[in-house]
Structure formats: structure tokens, C-alpha cells
Amino acid sequence: ANTGTYWYHSHTGAQRTDGLFGSLIIKESPALIARAKNQTGVGDFEDQPESHTLSLMDWQLKPSIELFSELVSGIRFYDTNQVPTRSDIRYVSTTSQDGGSVGPVSFWSGIINGNGRHESVNYTQSRLSIFTVLPDKQYRFRLVGAQGLFAYRVSIAGHKLKVFAMDG
């Protein structure tokens, strides 16, 4: 079997974009890890997929099926949660950092492993994902990009990240 980081998800309706997915890790043999470390020059690292796997997801204000219905009907092309009138301002498409059009659904927030924050949500009622590491050690973090609409740029302040593998 091919080793690496994979994910499973529903193919029914909007279940995936509403959170019906998960990560699937197939660990490498020690010999394969040693060979990969030598080829990539990453050196020795801790591999703890049970505590260092990040699932990235869009956090929308409404369920995905409702957003889809609004898109099809044209309601979401306006910055309103009601049927638009002529006085409503037409929604300007969300764009990526390089200026590319993403679509008519505005970005609300992102979540990591089901946890996140938004300015309209009381912080005492929202949690962030916490990943524990020790100083002077290298760790392998696995990322699953389960988001449906927006690309995410991942960084850790004050740290240099190196891609070890992609797509499995």
C-alpha cells in the first residue's frame, strides 16, 4: 500500500463541506523514513500523526446546502441575507492573495481540526487547536486541505517549514 497522509470524505450532497471527513495516515516503515530523511535532508524528526495532523476547513456562516441554494438563486451575489433589492450593493467576489477570483461566497473564517475563531463569536465559547512541541526538536506536521472554497497559506511564526511530501 502507498504510505502517507490521506483523507476520506463523503460524496453525498454537501456532507463533506459541512465536516464529514477525516484524516487517514498510513505510516512508513523505518527504512523508508530513513531513506526519505537522507534524500530530503530534513534530518531527524518526531513523527506523531495522532497529535500533529492538521485538517484545514472553511467555516461558513451557514450550512453548505443553504449556501449552494443561495448561489444558484443569485441571493448570495449580494451582501445581504435577504432577497436583494435594487438598493443592495452587489457583492464583490472574494479574491486570492494573487488577485484570482475565488467566488461569490465571502470568506467567513477557517478552522483547524474543527476549532477556530471569528470576531462575531464570543472567544470564551470558541477554541483553537493546540499542538505541543519541545524546543530544539523537529516535528513532522501532516496537513489535510479539506476546505472547499479557499486556499490557505500555512506558516508558524519564527519557524522555517520544509515540505517533506505531497499527496500521500
N, C-alpha and C. Protein backbone atom coordinates (compact mmCIF):
# COMPACT_ATOMS: atom_id res chain seq x y z
N ALA A 1 0.84 -1.20 0.00
CA ALA A 1 0.00 0.00 0.00
C ALA A 1 0.88 1.25 0.00
N ASN A 2 0.39 2.31 -0.60
CA ASN A 2 1.10 3.57 -0.59
C ASN A 2 1.00 4.20 0.79
N THR A 3 2.14 4.66 1.29
CA THR A 3 2.17 5.27 2.60
C THR A 3 1.95 6.77 2.49
N GLY A 4 1.60 7.40 3.61
CA GLY A 4 1.47 8.85 3.63
C GLY A 4 0.20 9.33 4.30
N THR A 5 -0.12 10.58 4.05
CA THR A 5 -1.27 11.25 4.64
C THR A 5 -2.38 11.35 3.61
N TYR A 6 -3.50 10.78 3.92
CA TYR A 6 -4.66 10.80 3.04
C TYR A 6 -5.87 11.31 3.83
N TRP A 7 -6.98 11.43 3.13
CA TRP A 7 -8.21 11.76 3.84
C TRP A 7 -9.38 11.08 3.18
N TYR A 8 -10.40 10.83 3.96
CA TYR A 8 -11.63 10.24 3.45
C TYR A 8 -12.74 11.28 3.63
N HIS A 9 -13.75 11.22 2.77
CA HIS A 9 -14.84 12.17 2.86
C HIS A 9 -16.08 11.65 2.16
N SER A 10 -17.20 12.22 2.52
CA SER A 10 -18.48 11.86 1.93
C SER A 10 -18.59 12.39 0.51
N HIS A 11 -19.33 11.67 -0.31
CA HIS A 11 -19.63 12.11 -1.67
C HIS A 11 -21.14 12.34 -1.82
N THR A 12 -21.81 12.54 -0.70
CA THR A 12 -23.26 12.73 -0.73
C THR A 12 -23.59 14.18 -0.40
N GLY A 13 -24.23 14.87 -1.32
CA GLY A 13 -24.66 16.24 -1.08
C GLY A 13 -23.53 17.12 -0.60
N ALA A 14 -23.81 17.90 0.42
CA ALA A 14 -22.83 18.84 0.96
C ALA A 14 -22.20 18.32 2.26
N GLN A 15 -22.25 17.01 2.49
CA GLN A 15 -21.75 16.47 3.75
C GLN A 15 -20.26 16.75 3.96
N ARG A 16 -19.44 16.65 2.91
CA ARG A 16 -18.01 16.89 3.07
C ARG A 16 -17.74 18.33 3.50
N THR A 17 -18.36 19.29 2.83
CA THR A 17 -18.10 20.69 3.15
C THR A 17 -18.72 21.09 4.49
N ASP A 18 -19.60 20.27 5.02
CA ASP A 18 -20.14 20.52 6.36
C ASP A 18 -19.41 19.70 7.42
N GLY A 19 -18.32 19.02 7.04
CA GLY A 19 -17.46 18.40 8.05
C GLY A 19 -17.41 16.90 8.10
N LEU A 20 -18.04 16.19 7.18
CA LEU A 20 -17.99 14.73 7.20
C LEU A 20 -16.76 14.25 6.44
N PHE A 21 -15.62 14.28 7.11
CA PHE A 21 -14.35 13.86 6.54
C PHE A 21 -13.39 13.56 7.69
N GLY A 22 -12.27 12.97 7.37
CA GLY A 22 -11.24 12.71 8.39
C GLY A 22 -9.92 12.36 7.73
N SER A 23 -8.88 12.36 8.53
CA SER A 23 -7.55 12.02 8.01
C SER A 23 -7.32 10.51 8.12
N LEU A 24 -6.50 10.01 7.22
CA LEU A 24 -6.13 8.60 7.20
C LEU A 24 -4.63 8.54 6.99
N ILE A 25 -3.90 8.06 8.00
CA ILE A 25 -2.44 8.02 7.96
C ILE A 25 -1.98 6.58 7.78
N ILE A 26 -1.18 6.34 6.74
CA ILE A 26 -0.54 5.05 6.55
C ILE A 26 0.95 5.29 6.77
N LYS A 27 1.44 4.82 7.92
CA LYS A 27 2.81 5.13 8.32
C LYS A 27 3.84 4.34 7.49
N GLU A 28 4.97 4.98 7.27
CA GLU A 28 6.06 4.40 6.52
C GLU A 28 6.86 3.44 7.41
N SER A 29 7.55 2.54 6.77
CA SER A 29 8.46 1.66 7.52
C SER A 29 9.66 2.49 7.96
N PRO A 30 10.35 2.08 9.02
CA PRO A 30 11.55 2.82 9.46
C PRO A 30 12.59 2.96 8.35
N ALA A 31 12.74 1.94 7.51
CA ALA A 31 13.71 2.01 6.41
C ALA A 31 13.31 3.09 5.39
N LEU A 32 12.03 3.18 5.08
CA LEU A 32 11.56 4.19 4.14
C LEU A 32 11.72 5.60 4.71
N ILE A 33 11.45 5.75 5.99
CA ILE A 33 11.65 7.06 6.65
C ILE A 33 13.12 7.45 6.60
N ALA A 34 14.01 6.53 6.90
CA ALA A 34 15.45 6.82 6.88
C ALA A 34 15.90 7.25 5.48
N ARG A 35 15.42 6.55 4.45
CA ARG A 35 15.78 6.90 3.08
C ARG A 35 15.24 8.29 2.72
N ALA A 36 14.00 8.59 3.10
CA ALA A 36 13.42 9.90 2.80
C ALA A 36 14.16 11.01 3.53
N LYS A 37 14.58 10.78 4.76
CA LYS A 37 15.34 11.79 5.51
C LYS A 37 16.66 12.09 4.81
N ASN A 38 17.32 11.06 4.31
CA ASN A 38 18.59 11.25 3.61
C ASN A 38 18.39 11.98 2.28
N GLN A 39 17.33 11.64 1.55
CA GLN A 39 17.09 12.26 0.24
C GLN A 39 16.67 13.72 0.36
N THR A 40 15.92 14.06 1.40
CA THR A 40 15.41 15.43 1.53
C THR A 40 16.28 16.31 2.40
N GLY A 41 17.15 15.70 3.19
CA GLY A 41 18.00 16.48 4.09
C GLY A 41 17.27 17.09 5.26
N VAL A 42 16.11 16.55 5.64
CA VAL A 42 15.35 17.13 6.75
C VAL A 42 15.93 16.77 8.11
N GLY A 43 16.79 15.79 8.17
CA GLY A 43 17.36 15.40 9.46
C GLY A 43 16.36 14.60 10.29
N ASP A 44 16.70 14.41 11.54
CA ASP A 44 15.86 13.62 12.43
C ASP A 44 14.64 14.42 12.87
N PHE A 45 13.47 13.80 12.92
CA PHE A 45 12.26 14.50 13.34
C PHE A 45 11.33 13.53 14.06
N GLU A 46 10.46 14.10 14.87
CA GLU A 46 9.42 13.34 15.55
C GLU A 46 8.23 13.22 14.61
N ASP A 47 7.68 12.03 14.49
CA ASP A 47 6.51 11.80 13.65
C ASP A 47 5.39 11.29 14.56
N GLN A 48 4.47 12.17 14.92
CA GLN A 48 3.37 11.85 15.82
C GLN A 48 2.04 12.24 15.16
N PRO A 49 1.58 11.46 14.17
CA PRO A 49 0.37 11.86 13.43
C PRO A 49 -0.87 12.01 14.31
N GLU A 50 -0.92 11.29 15.42
CA GLU A 50 -2.09 11.40 16.29
C GLU A 50 -2.19 12.77 16.96
N SER A 51 -1.08 13.50 17.06
CA SER A 51 -1.12 14.82 17.69
C SER A 51 -0.62 15.95 16.80
N HIS A 52 -0.09 15.64 15.61
CA HIS A 52 0.44 16.67 14.72
C HIS A 52 -0.13 16.58 13.30
N THR A 53 -1.42 16.30 13.20
CA THR A 53 -2.11 16.32 11.91
C THR A 53 -3.12 17.45 11.93
N LEU A 54 -3.07 18.30 10.93
CA LEU A 54 -3.96 19.46 10.83
C LEU A 54 -4.93 19.24 9.69
N SER A 55 -6.22 19.33 9.97
CA SER A 55 -7.25 19.30 8.94
C SER A 55 -7.78 20.72 8.79
N LEU A 56 -7.55 21.31 7.63
CA LEU A 56 -7.97 22.69 7.35
C LEU A 56 -9.34 22.68 6.69
N MET A 57 -10.21 23.59 7.13
CA MET A 57 -11.58 23.60 6.62
C MET A 57 -12.13 25.01 6.63
N ASP A 58 -12.97 25.34 5.64
CA ASP A 58 -13.70 26.60 5.64
C ASP A 58 -14.77 26.55 6.73
N TRP A 59 -14.96 27.66 7.43
CA TRP A 59 -16.03 27.78 8.41
C TRP A 59 -17.00 28.80 7.86
N GLN A 60 -18.12 28.33 7.39
CA GLN A 60 -19.12 29.22 6.80
C GLN A 60 -20.19 29.56 7.82
N LEU A 61 -20.84 30.67 7.61
CA LEU A 61 -21.89 31.14 8.49
C LEU A 61 -23.13 30.26 8.40
N LYS A 62 -23.31 29.63 7.25
CA LYS A 62 -24.50 28.81 7.01
C LYS A 62 -24.09 27.42 6.54
N PRO A 63 -24.99 26.44 6.63
CA PRO A 63 -24.69 25.12 6.08
C PRO A 63 -24.45 25.20 4.57
N SER A 64 -23.62 24.32 4.07
CA SER A 64 -23.23 24.35 2.65
C SER A 64 -24.41 24.22 1.70
N ILE A 65 -25.38 23.40 2.04
CA ILE A 65 -26.52 23.22 1.13
C ILE A 65 -27.32 24.52 1.02
N GLU A 66 -27.39 25.29 2.10
CA GLU A 66 -28.08 26.58 2.06
C GLU A 66 -27.28 27.58 1.21
N LEU A 67 -25.96 27.59 1.35
CA LEU A 67 -25.12 28.47 0.53
C LEU A 67 -25.26 28.11 -0.95
N PHE A 68 -25.27 26.81 -1.25
CA PHE A 68 -25.42 26.37 -2.63
C PHE A 68 -26.75 26.84 -3.21
N SER A 69 -27.82 26.72 -2.43
CA SER A 69 -29.14 27.17 -2.89
C SER A 69 -29.14 28.67 -3.16
N GLU A 70 -28.46 29.43 -2.29
CA GLU A 70 -28.38 30.87 -2.49
C GLU A 70 -27.58 31.22 -3.74
N LEU A 71 -26.50 30.47 -3.97
CA LEU A 71 -25.69 30.72 -5.16
C LEU A 71 -26.49 30.48 -6.43
N VAL A 72 -27.20 29.38 -6.46
CA VAL A 72 -27.99 29.03 -7.64
C VAL A 72 -29.09 30.06 -7.87
N SER A 73 -29.68 30.56 -6.78
CA SER A 73 -30.77 31.53 -6.92
C SER A 73 -30.27 32.95 -7.14
N GLY A 74 -28.98 33.21 -6.86
CA GLY A 74 -28.42 34.53 -7.05
C GLY A 74 -28.44 35.39 -5.80
N ILE A 75 -29.05 34.93 -4.71
CA ILE A 75 -29.14 35.74 -3.49
C ILE A 75 -27.75 36.07 -2.94
N ARG A 76 -26.85 35.13 -2.96
CA ARG A 76 -25.54 35.33 -2.33
C ARG A 76 -24.64 36.26 -3.13
N PHE A 77 -25.04 36.67 -4.28
CA PHE A 77 -24.24 37.62 -5.04
C PHE A 77 -24.39 39.03 -4.49
N TYR A 78 -25.19 39.17 -3.45
CA TYR A 78 -25.39 40.46 -2.80
C TYR A 78 -24.98 40.33 -1.34
N ASP A 79 -24.51 41.41 -0.76
CA ASP A 79 -24.09 41.40 0.63
C ASP A 79 -25.29 41.57 1.54
N THR A 80 -26.18 40.58 1.52
CA THR A 80 -27.39 40.60 2.33
C THR A 80 -27.81 39.17 2.59
N ASN A 81 -28.52 38.95 3.68
CA ASN A 81 -29.04 37.61 3.98
C ASN A 81 -30.52 37.52 3.63
N GLN A 82 -31.02 38.51 2.87
CA GLN A 82 -32.40 38.53 2.44
C GLN A 82 -32.43 38.61 0.91
N VAL A 83 -33.63 38.51 0.35
CA VAL A 83 -33.76 38.66 -1.09
C VAL A 83 -33.30 40.08 -1.45
N PRO A 84 -32.35 40.21 -2.38
CA PRO A 84 -31.81 41.55 -2.68
C PRO A 84 -32.83 42.46 -3.35
N THR A 85 -32.65 43.73 -3.09
CA THR A 85 -33.45 44.76 -3.77
C THR A 85 -32.51 45.58 -4.63
N ARG A 86 -33.03 46.51 -5.41
CA ARG A 86 -32.18 47.32 -6.28
C ARG A 86 -31.23 48.21 -5.49
N SER A 87 -31.57 48.51 -4.24
CA SER A 87 -30.71 49.38 -3.43
C SER A 87 -29.55 48.61 -2.77
N ASP A 88 -29.58 47.27 -2.81
CA ASP A 88 -28.49 46.48 -2.22
C ASP A 88 -27.25 46.55 -3.08
N ILE A 89 -26.11 46.52 -2.44
CA ILE A 89 -24.82 46.57 -3.14
C ILE A 89 -24.46 45.17 -3.60
N ARG A 90 -24.13 45.05 -4.87
CA ARG A 90 -23.74 43.75 -5.41
C ARG A 90 -22.42 43.33 -4.79
N TYR A 91 -22.36 42.07 -4.37
CA TYR A 91 -21.18 41.53 -3.69
C TYR A 91 -19.99 41.45 -4.64
N VAL A 92 -18.84 41.92 -4.19
CA VAL A 92 -17.61 41.81 -4.98
C VAL A 92 -16.98 40.47 -4.65
N SER A 93 -16.64 39.72 -5.65
CA SER A 93 -16.10 38.38 -5.48
C SER A 93 -14.87 38.38 -4.58
N THR A 94 -14.78 37.37 -3.74
CA THR A 94 -13.60 37.17 -2.90
C THR A 94 -12.43 36.82 -3.82
N THR A 95 -11.24 37.37 -3.52
CA THR A 95 -10.06 37.09 -4.35
C THR A 95 -8.94 36.50 -3.51
N SER A 96 -8.07 35.78 -4.16
CA SER A 96 -6.90 35.21 -3.50
C SER A 96 -5.83 36.29 -3.36
N GLN A 97 -4.73 35.94 -2.67
CA GLN A 97 -3.65 36.90 -2.45
C GLN A 97 -3.01 37.34 -3.76
N ASP A 98 -3.09 36.50 -4.79
CA ASP A 98 -2.51 36.88 -6.07
C ASP A 98 -3.54 37.52 -7.01
N GLY A 99 -4.73 37.85 -6.47
CA GLY A 99 -5.74 38.56 -7.25
C GLY A 99 -6.71 37.70 -8.02
N GLY A 100 -6.59 36.38 -7.93
CA GLY A 100 -7.50 35.50 -8.65
C GLY A 100 -8.87 35.46 -7.99
N SER A 101 -9.91 35.36 -8.80
CA SER A 101 -11.28 35.31 -8.28
C SER A 101 -11.54 33.94 -7.66
N VAL A 102 -12.07 33.94 -6.45
CA VAL A 102 -12.37 32.70 -5.75
C VAL A 102 -13.84 32.34 -5.91
N GLY A 103 -14.71 33.32 -5.82
CA GLY A 103 -16.12 33.03 -6.00
C GLY A 103 -16.99 34.00 -5.23
N PRO A 104 -18.28 33.83 -5.37
CA PRO A 104 -19.21 34.78 -4.77
C PRO A 104 -19.50 34.56 -3.29
N VAL A 105 -18.96 33.56 -2.68
CA VAL A 105 -19.16 33.33 -1.25
C VAL A 105 -18.04 34.03 -0.49
N SER A 106 -18.40 34.92 0.40
CA SER A 106 -17.38 35.65 1.14
C SER A 106 -16.72 34.75 2.18
N PHE A 107 -15.44 35.01 2.42
CA PHE A 107 -14.70 34.24 3.42
C PHE A 107 -15.19 34.66 4.80
N TRP A 108 -15.55 33.68 5.64
CA TRP A 108 -16.00 33.99 6.99
C TRP A 108 -14.91 33.65 7.98
N SER A 109 -14.41 32.42 7.97
CA SER A 109 -13.30 32.03 8.85
C SER A 109 -12.82 30.65 8.41
N GLY A 110 -11.70 30.25 8.96
CA GLY A 110 -11.18 28.92 8.72
C GLY A 110 -11.04 28.20 10.05
N ILE A 111 -11.04 26.89 10.00
CA ILE A 111 -10.87 26.11 11.22
C ILE A 111 -9.78 25.07 11.02
N ILE A 112 -9.14 24.71 12.11
CA ILE A 112 -8.12 23.66 12.12
C ILE A 112 -8.61 22.59 13.08
N ASN A 113 -8.78 21.38 12.58
CA ASN A 113 -9.29 20.26 13.36
C ASN A 113 -10.60 20.59 14.07
N GLY A 114 -11.46 21.35 13.38
CA GLY A 114 -12.77 21.68 13.92
C GLY A 114 -12.79 22.84 14.90
N ASN A 115 -11.65 23.47 15.14
CA ASN A 115 -11.57 24.58 16.09
C ASN A 115 -11.17 25.85 15.37
N GLY A 116 -11.75 26.98 15.79
CA GLY A 116 -11.40 28.24 15.19
C GLY A 116 -12.09 29.40 15.88
N ARG A 117 -11.88 30.59 15.37
CA ARG A 117 -12.48 31.79 15.94
C ARG A 117 -12.97 32.71 14.84
N HIS A 118 -13.91 33.55 15.22
CA HIS A 118 -14.41 34.61 14.37
C HIS A 118 -14.78 35.77 15.26
N GLU A 119 -14.64 36.98 14.75
CA GLU A 119 -14.88 38.17 15.56
C GLU A 119 -16.29 38.24 16.12
N SER A 120 -17.26 37.60 15.47
CA SER A 120 -18.63 37.66 15.96
C SER A 120 -18.96 36.55 16.95
N VAL A 121 -18.01 35.66 17.22
CA VAL A 121 -18.23 34.57 18.16
C VAL A 121 -17.48 34.89 19.44
N ASN A 122 -18.16 34.82 20.57
CA ASN A 122 -17.54 35.09 21.86
C ASN A 122 -16.35 34.13 22.06
N TYR A 123 -15.16 34.69 22.31
CA TYR A 123 -13.96 33.88 22.42
C TYR A 123 -14.01 32.86 23.55
N THR A 124 -14.79 33.12 24.59
CA THR A 124 -14.87 32.14 25.67
C THR A 124 -15.63 30.90 25.23
N GLN A 125 -16.34 31.01 24.11
CA GLN A 125 -17.09 29.87 23.60
C GLN A 125 -16.42 29.21 22.39
N SER A 126 -15.25 29.67 22.02
CA SER A 126 -14.57 29.08 20.87
C SER A 126 -13.17 28.65 21.29
N ARG A 127 -12.68 27.62 20.65
CA ARG A 127 -11.37 27.07 20.99
C ARG A 127 -10.46 27.09 19.77
N LEU A 128 -9.19 27.03 20.03
CA LEU A 128 -8.20 26.90 18.96
C LEU A 128 -7.52 25.55 19.12
N SER A 129 -7.02 25.01 18.03
CA SER A 129 -6.24 23.77 18.10
C SER A 129 -4.88 24.08 18.69
N ILE A 130 -4.41 23.23 19.56
CA ILE A 130 -3.11 23.41 20.22
C ILE A 130 -2.23 22.21 19.88
N PHE A 131 -1.00 22.49 19.47
CA PHE A 131 -0.04 21.45 19.12
C PHE A 131 1.18 21.61 20.02
N THR A 132 1.51 20.56 20.76
CA THR A 132 2.60 20.63 21.72
C THR A 132 3.90 20.17 21.08
N VAL A 133 4.93 20.97 21.25
CA VAL A 133 6.28 20.65 20.76
C VAL A 133 7.29 21.03 21.83
N LEU A 134 8.48 20.48 21.73
CA LEU A 134 9.57 20.81 22.64
C LEU A 134 10.65 21.58 21.90
N PRO A 135 11.38 22.45 22.60
CA PRO A 135 12.45 23.21 21.94
C PRO A 135 13.55 22.29 21.41
N ASP A 136 14.22 22.75 20.38
CA ASP A 136 15.37 22.07 19.79
C ASP A 136 15.03 20.70 19.19
N LYS A 137 13.79 20.49 18.82
CA LYS A 137 13.38 19.26 18.15
C LYS A 137 12.67 19.63 16.85
N GLN A 138 12.74 18.74 15.88
CA GLN A 138 12.00 18.91 14.63
C GLN A 138 10.80 17.97 14.65
N TYR A 139 9.70 18.44 14.10
CA TYR A 139 8.47 17.66 14.08
C TYR A 139 7.92 17.60 12.68
N ARG A 140 7.29 16.49 12.40
CA ARG A 140 6.57 16.34 11.13
C ARG A 140 5.10 16.67 11.39
N PHE A 141 4.60 17.67 10.69
CA PHE A 141 3.19 18.02 10.75
C PHE A 141 2.56 17.59 9.43
N ARG A 142 1.43 16.93 9.53
CA ARG A 142 0.70 16.48 8.35
C ARG A 142 -0.49 17.40 8.16
N LEU A 143 -0.72 17.83 6.93
CA LEU A 143 -1.83 18.74 6.63
C LEU A 143 -2.81 18.09 5.67
N VAL A 144 -4.08 18.21 5.99
CA VAL A 144 -5.15 17.77 5.11
C VAL A 144 -5.93 19.01 4.72
N GLY A 145 -5.91 19.35 3.45
CA GLY A 145 -6.66 20.52 2.96
C GLY A 145 -8.06 20.11 2.57
N ALA A 146 -8.98 20.11 3.52
CA ALA A 146 -10.35 19.68 3.27
C ALA A 146 -11.28 20.84 2.93
N GLN A 147 -10.73 22.05 2.84
CA GLN A 147 -11.57 23.21 2.55
C GLN A 147 -12.16 23.09 1.16
N GLY A 148 -13.30 23.72 0.99
CA GLY A 148 -13.99 23.60 -0.29
C GLY A 148 -13.86 24.82 -1.18
N LEU A 149 -13.61 26.00 -0.61
CA LEU A 149 -13.64 27.22 -1.40
C LEU A 149 -12.34 28.01 -1.42
N PHE A 150 -11.61 28.01 -0.35
CA PHE A 150 -10.49 28.93 -0.22
C PHE A 150 -9.17 28.21 0.01
N ALA A 151 -8.12 28.76 -0.56
CA ALA A 151 -6.77 28.23 -0.35
C ALA A 151 -6.22 28.84 0.93
N TYR A 152 -5.44 28.08 1.66
CA TYR A 152 -4.87 28.55 2.92
C TYR A 152 -3.35 28.59 2.82
N ARG A 153 -2.77 29.63 3.34
CA ARG A 153 -1.32 29.73 3.44
C ARG A 153 -0.96 29.35 4.88
N VAL A 154 -0.11 28.35 5.03
CA VAL A 154 0.24 27.83 6.35
C VAL A 154 1.63 28.31 6.73
N SER A 155 1.75 28.84 7.94
CA SER A 155 3.05 29.25 8.46
C SER A 155 3.03 29.14 9.97
N ILE A 156 4.20 29.05 10.55
CA ILE A 156 4.36 29.06 12.00
C ILE A 156 5.37 30.15 12.30
N ALA A 157 4.94 31.16 13.02
CA ALA A 157 5.77 32.34 13.28
C ALA A 157 7.14 31.93 13.84
N GLY A 158 8.19 32.47 13.22
CA GLY A 158 9.54 32.22 13.71
C GLY A 158 10.12 30.86 13.35
N HIS A 159 9.45 30.12 12.46
CA HIS A 159 9.93 28.79 12.10
C HIS A 159 9.98 28.64 10.59
N LYS A 160 10.95 27.88 10.14
CA LYS A 160 11.07 27.56 8.72
C LYS A 160 10.44 26.20 8.49
N LEU A 161 9.55 26.14 7.52
CA LEU A 161 8.86 24.88 7.20
C LEU A 161 9.46 24.28 5.94
N LYS A 162 9.53 22.97 5.91
CA LYS A 162 10.04 22.27 4.73
C LYS A 162 9.03 21.20 4.34
N VAL A 163 8.65 21.17 3.07
CA VAL A 163 7.72 20.17 2.58
C VAL A 163 8.45 18.86 2.43
N PHE A 164 7.92 17.85 3.09
CA PHE A 164 8.52 16.51 3.09
C PHE A 164 7.91 15.65 1.98
N ALA A 165 6.63 15.77 1.78
CA ALA A 165 5.93 15.01 0.75
C ALA A 165 4.58 15.67 0.48
N MET A 166 4.00 15.39 -0.68
CA MET A 166 2.68 15.91 -1.02
C MET A 166 1.84 14.80 -1.61
N ASP A 167 0.53 14.90 -1.40
CA ASP A 167 -0.43 13.94 -1.94
C ASP A 167 -0.06 12.50 -1.59
N GLY A 168 -0.01 12.24 -0.29
CA GLY A 168 0.23 10.87 0.15
C GLY A 168 1.59 10.64 0.66
